[in-house]
Amino acid sequence: MLHSVDRMLRFDQIIVDNLCLYFSLMALKSLFKQGFVYKR
């Protein structure tokens, strides 16, 4: 029982990490696009 709960928590941590990575990549992309727009 405790082992499966630990595994679930670790799975949640992986999902959270991937979400943070995804959102930071999207923010970088939008900043990059804005930078290009401002330069032109």
PDB file of N, CA and C in Angstrom:
ATOM      1  N   MET A   1       0.841  -1.199   0.000  1.00  0.00           N
ATOM      2  CA  MET A   1       0.000   0.000   0.000  1.00  0.00           C
ATOM      3  C   MET A   1       0.880   1.255   0.000  1.00  0.00           C
ATOM      4  N   LEU A   2       1.810   1.323   0.943  1.00  0.00           N
ATOM      5  CA  LEU A   2       2.677   2.495   1.045  1.00  0.00           C
ATOM      6  C   LEU A   2       3.552   2.619  -0.208  1.00  0.00           C
ATOM      7  N   HIS A   3       3.946   1.476  -0.756  1.00  0.00           N
ATOM      8  CA  HIS A   3       4.802   1.492  -1.935  1.00  0.00           C
ATOM      9  C   HIS A   3       4.063   2.104  -3.130  1.00  0.00           C
ATOM     10  N   SER A   4       2.792   1.717  -3.315  1.00  0.00           N
ATOM     11  CA  SER A   4       2.020   2.240  -4.450  1.00  0.00           C
ATOM     12  C   SER A   4       1.768   3.740  -4.283  1.00  0.00           C
ATOM     13  N   VAL A   5       1.534   4.189  -3.046  1.00  0.00           N
ATOM     14  CA  VAL A   5       1.321   5.619  -2.804  1.00  0.00           C
ATOM     15  C   VAL A   5       2.585   6.393  -3.154  1.00  0.00           C
ATOM     16  N   ASP A   6       3.734   5.850  -2.781  1.00  0.00           N
ATOM     17  CA  ASP A   6       5.011   6.495  -3.094  1.00  0.00           C
ATOM     18  C   ASP A   6       5.182   6.608  -4.604  1.00  0.00           C
ATOM     19  N   ARG A   7       4.818   5.547  -5.315  1.00  0.00           N
ATOM     20  CA  ARG A   7       4.935   5.547  -6.771  1.00  0.00           C
ATOM     21  C   ARG A   7       4.000   6.603  -7.378  1.00  0.00           C
ATOM     22  N   MET A   8       2.791   6.711  -6.848  1.00  0.00           N
ATOM     23  CA  MET A   8       1.831   7.705  -7.344  1.00  0.00           C
ATOM     24  C   MET A   8       2.364   9.116  -7.127  1.00  0.00           C
ATOM     25  N   LEU A   9       2.943   9.368  -5.947  1.00  0.00           N
ATOM     26  CA  LEU A   9       3.491  10.690  -5.654  1.00  0.00           C
ATOM     27  C   LEU A   9       4.626  11.021  -6.616  1.00  0.00           C
ATOM     28  N   ARG A  10       5.459  10.025  -6.893  1.00  0.00           N
ATOM     29  CA  ARG A  10       6.569  10.247  -7.809  1.00  0.00           C
ATOM     30  C   ARG A  10       6.032  10.544  -9.212  1.00  0.00           C
ATOM     31  N   PHE A  11       4.973   9.853  -9.602  1.00  0.00           N
ATOM     32  CA  PHE A  11       4.346  10.073 -10.907  1.00  0.00           C
ATOM     33  C   PHE A  11       3.808  11.501 -10.993  1.00  0.00           C
ATOM     34  N   ASP A  12       3.159  11.969  -9.930  1.00  0.00           N
ATOM     35  CA  ASP A  12       2.661  13.346  -9.883  1.00  0.00           C
ATOM     36  C   ASP A  12       3.819  14.329 -10.029  1.00  0.00           C
ATOM     37  N   GLN A  13       4.927  14.045  -9.379  1.00  0.00           N
ATOM     38  CA  GLN A  13       6.093  14.938  -9.448  1.00  0.00           C
ATOM     39  C   GLN A  13       6.605  15.029 -10.877  1.00  0.00           C
ATOM     40  N   ILE A  14       6.618  13.895 -11.576  1.00  0.00           N
ATOM     41  CA  ILE A  14       7.070  13.885 -12.979  1.00  0.00           C
ATOM     42  C   ILE A  14       6.140  14.737 -13.826  1.00  0.00           C
ATOM     43  N   ILE A  15       4.831  14.609 -13.612  1.00  0.00           N
ATOM     44  CA  ILE A  15       3.855  15.396 -14.371  1.00  0.00           C
ATOM     45  C   ILE A  15       4.055  16.884 -14.097  1.00  0.00           C
ATOM     46  N   VAL A  16       4.227  17.240 -12.838  1.00  0.00           N
ATOM     47  CA  VAL A  16       4.426  18.652 -12.478  1.00  0.00           C
ATOM     48  C   VAL A  16       5.689  19.197 -13.132  1.00  0.00           C
ATOM     49  N   ASP A  17       6.766  18.410 -13.097  1.00  0.00           N
ATOM     50  CA  ASP A  17       8.028  18.837 -13.716  1.00  0.00           C
ATOM     51  C   ASP A  17       7.841  19.063 -15.214  1.00  0.00           C
ATOM     52  N   ASN A  18       7.137  18.134 -15.879  1.00  0.00           N
ATOM     53  CA  ASN A  18       6.913  18.272 -17.316  1.00  0.00           C
ATOM     54  C   ASN A  18       6.055  19.491 -17.621  1.00  0.00           C
ATOM     55  N   LEU A  19       5.048  19.762 -16.775  1.00  0.00           N
ATOM     56  CA  LEU A  19       4.196  20.936 -16.980  1.00  0.00           C
ATOM     57  C   LEU A  19       5.009  22.211 -16.838  1.00  0.00           C
ATOM     58  N   CYS A  20       5.855  22.268 -15.825  1.00  0.00           N
ATOM     59  CA  CYS A  20       6.697  23.456 -15.618  1.00  0.00           C
ATOM     60  C   CYS A  20       7.609  23.658 -16.824  1.00  0.00           C
ATOM     61  N   LEU A  21       8.212  22.579 -17.302  1.00  0.00           N
ATOM     62  CA  LEU A  21       9.096  22.661 -18.463  1.00  0.00           C
ATOM     63  C   LEU A  21       8.322  23.147 -19.686  1.00  0.00           C
ATOM     64  N   TYR A  22       7.110  22.586 -19.884  1.00  0.00           N
ATOM     65  CA  TYR A  22       6.282  22.961 -21.040  1.00  0.00           C
ATOM     66  C   TYR A  22       5.923  24.444 -21.005  1.00  0.00           C
ATOM     67  N   PHE A  23       5.469  24.910 -19.840  1.00  0.00           N
ATOM     68  CA  PHE A  23       5.067  26.312 -19.739  1.00  0.00           C
ATOM     69  C   PHE A  23       6.258  27.258 -19.904  1.00  0.00           C
ATOM     70  N   SER A  24       7.409  26.887 -19.372  1.00  0.00           N
ATOM     71  CA  SER A  24       8.590  27.747 -19.524  1.00  0.00           C
ATOM     72  C   SER A  24       9.010  27.795 -20.993  1.00  0.00           C
ATOM     73  N   LEU A  25       8.888  26.670 -21.708  1.00  0.00           N
ATOM     74  CA  LEU A  25       9.211  26.658 -23.134  1.00  0.00           C
ATOM     75  C   LEU A  25       8.239  27.535 -23.908  1.00  0.00           C
ATOM     76  N   MET A  26       6.942  27.467 -23.584  1.00  0.00           N
ATOM     77  CA  MET A  26       5.943  28.294 -24.258  1.00  0.00           C
ATOM     78  C   MET A  26       6.210  29.771 -23.992  1.00  0.00           C
ATOM     79  N   ALA A  27       6.578  30.110 -22.758  1.00  0.00           N
ATOM     80  CA  ALA A  27       6.872  31.507 -22.413  1.00  0.00           C
ATOM     81  C   ALA A  27       8.092  31.985 -23.204  1.00  0.00           C
ATOM     82  N   LEU A  28       9.119  31.146 -23.321  1.00  0.00           N
ATOM     83  CA  LEU A  28      10.311  31.509 -24.091  1.00  0.00           C
ATOM     84  C   LEU A  28       9.955  31.721 -25.557  1.00  0.00           C
ATOM     85  N   LYS A  29       9.086  30.849 -26.082  1.00  0.00           N
ATOM     86  CA  LYS A  29       8.672  30.982 -27.480  1.00  0.00           C
ATOM     87  C   LYS A  29       7.962  32.301 -27.714  1.00  0.00           C
ATOM     88  N   SER A  30       7.016  32.645 -26.836  1.00  0.00           N
ATOM     89  CA  SER A  30       6.264  33.890 -27.004  1.00  0.00           C
ATOM     90  C   SER A  30       7.189  35.105 -26.862  1.00  0.00           C
ATOM     91  N   LEU A  31       8.136  35.044 -25.925  1.00  0.00           N
ATOM     92  CA  LEU A  31       9.096  36.143 -25.771  1.00  0.00           C
ATOM     93  C   LEU A  31       9.945  36.280 -27.032  1.00  0.00           C
ATOM     94  N   PHE A  32      10.345  35.145 -27.601  1.00  0.00           N
ATOM     95  CA  PHE A  32      11.149  35.141 -28.815  1.00  0.00           C
ATOM     96  C   PHE A  32      10.384  35.805 -29.955  1.00  0.00           C
ATOM     97  N   LYS A  33       9.090  35.435 -30.100  1.00  0.00           N
ATOM     98  CA  LYS A  33       8.250  36.023 -31.158  1.00  0.00           C
ATOM     99  C   LYS A  33       8.105  37.522 -30.946  1.00  0.00           C
ATOM    100  N   GLN A  34       7.864  37.944 -29.721  1.00  0.00           N
ATOM    101  CA  GLN A  34       7.708  39.373 -29.421  1.00  0.00           C
ATOM    102  C   GLN A  34       9.007  40.113 -29.744  1.00  0.00           C
ATOM    103  N   GLY A  35      10.141  39.502 -29.423  1.00  0.00           N
ATOM    104  CA  GLY A  35      11.429  40.119 -29.713  1.00  0.00           C
ATOM    105  C   GLY A  35      11.600  40.337 -31.207  1.00  0.00           C
ATOM    106  N   PHE A  36      11.208  39.344 -32.002  1.00  0.00           N
ATOM    107  CA  PHE A  36      11.308  39.486 -33.448  1.00  0.00           C
ATOM    108  C   PHE A  36      10.397  40.605 -33.942  1.00  0.00           C
ATOM    109  N   VAL A  37       9.188  40.682 -33.381  1.00  0.00           N
ATOM    110  CA  VAL A  37       8.234  41.716 -33.803  1.00  0.00           C
ATOM    111  C   VAL A  37       8.786  43.096 -33.473  1.00  0.00           C
ATOM    112  N   TYR A  38       9.359  43.240 -32.276  1.00  0.00           N
ATOM    113  CA  TYR A  38       9.882  44.557 -31.877  1.00  0.00           C
ATOM    114  C   TYR A  38      11.084  44.961 -32.725  1.00  0.00           C
ATOM    115  N   LYS A  39      11.925  43.991 -33.119  1.00  0.00           N
ATOM    116  CA  LYS A  39      13.116  44.324 -33.917  1.00  0.00           C
ATOM    117  C   LYS A  39      12.713  44.826 -35.297  1.00  0.00           C
ATOM    118  N   ARG A  40      11.651  44.273 -35.875  1.00  0.00           N
ATOM    119  CA  ARG A  40      11.206  44.696 -37.206  1.00  0.00           C
ATOM    120  C   ARG A  40      10.296  45.896 -37.094  1.00  0.00           C
TER     121      ARG A  40
END
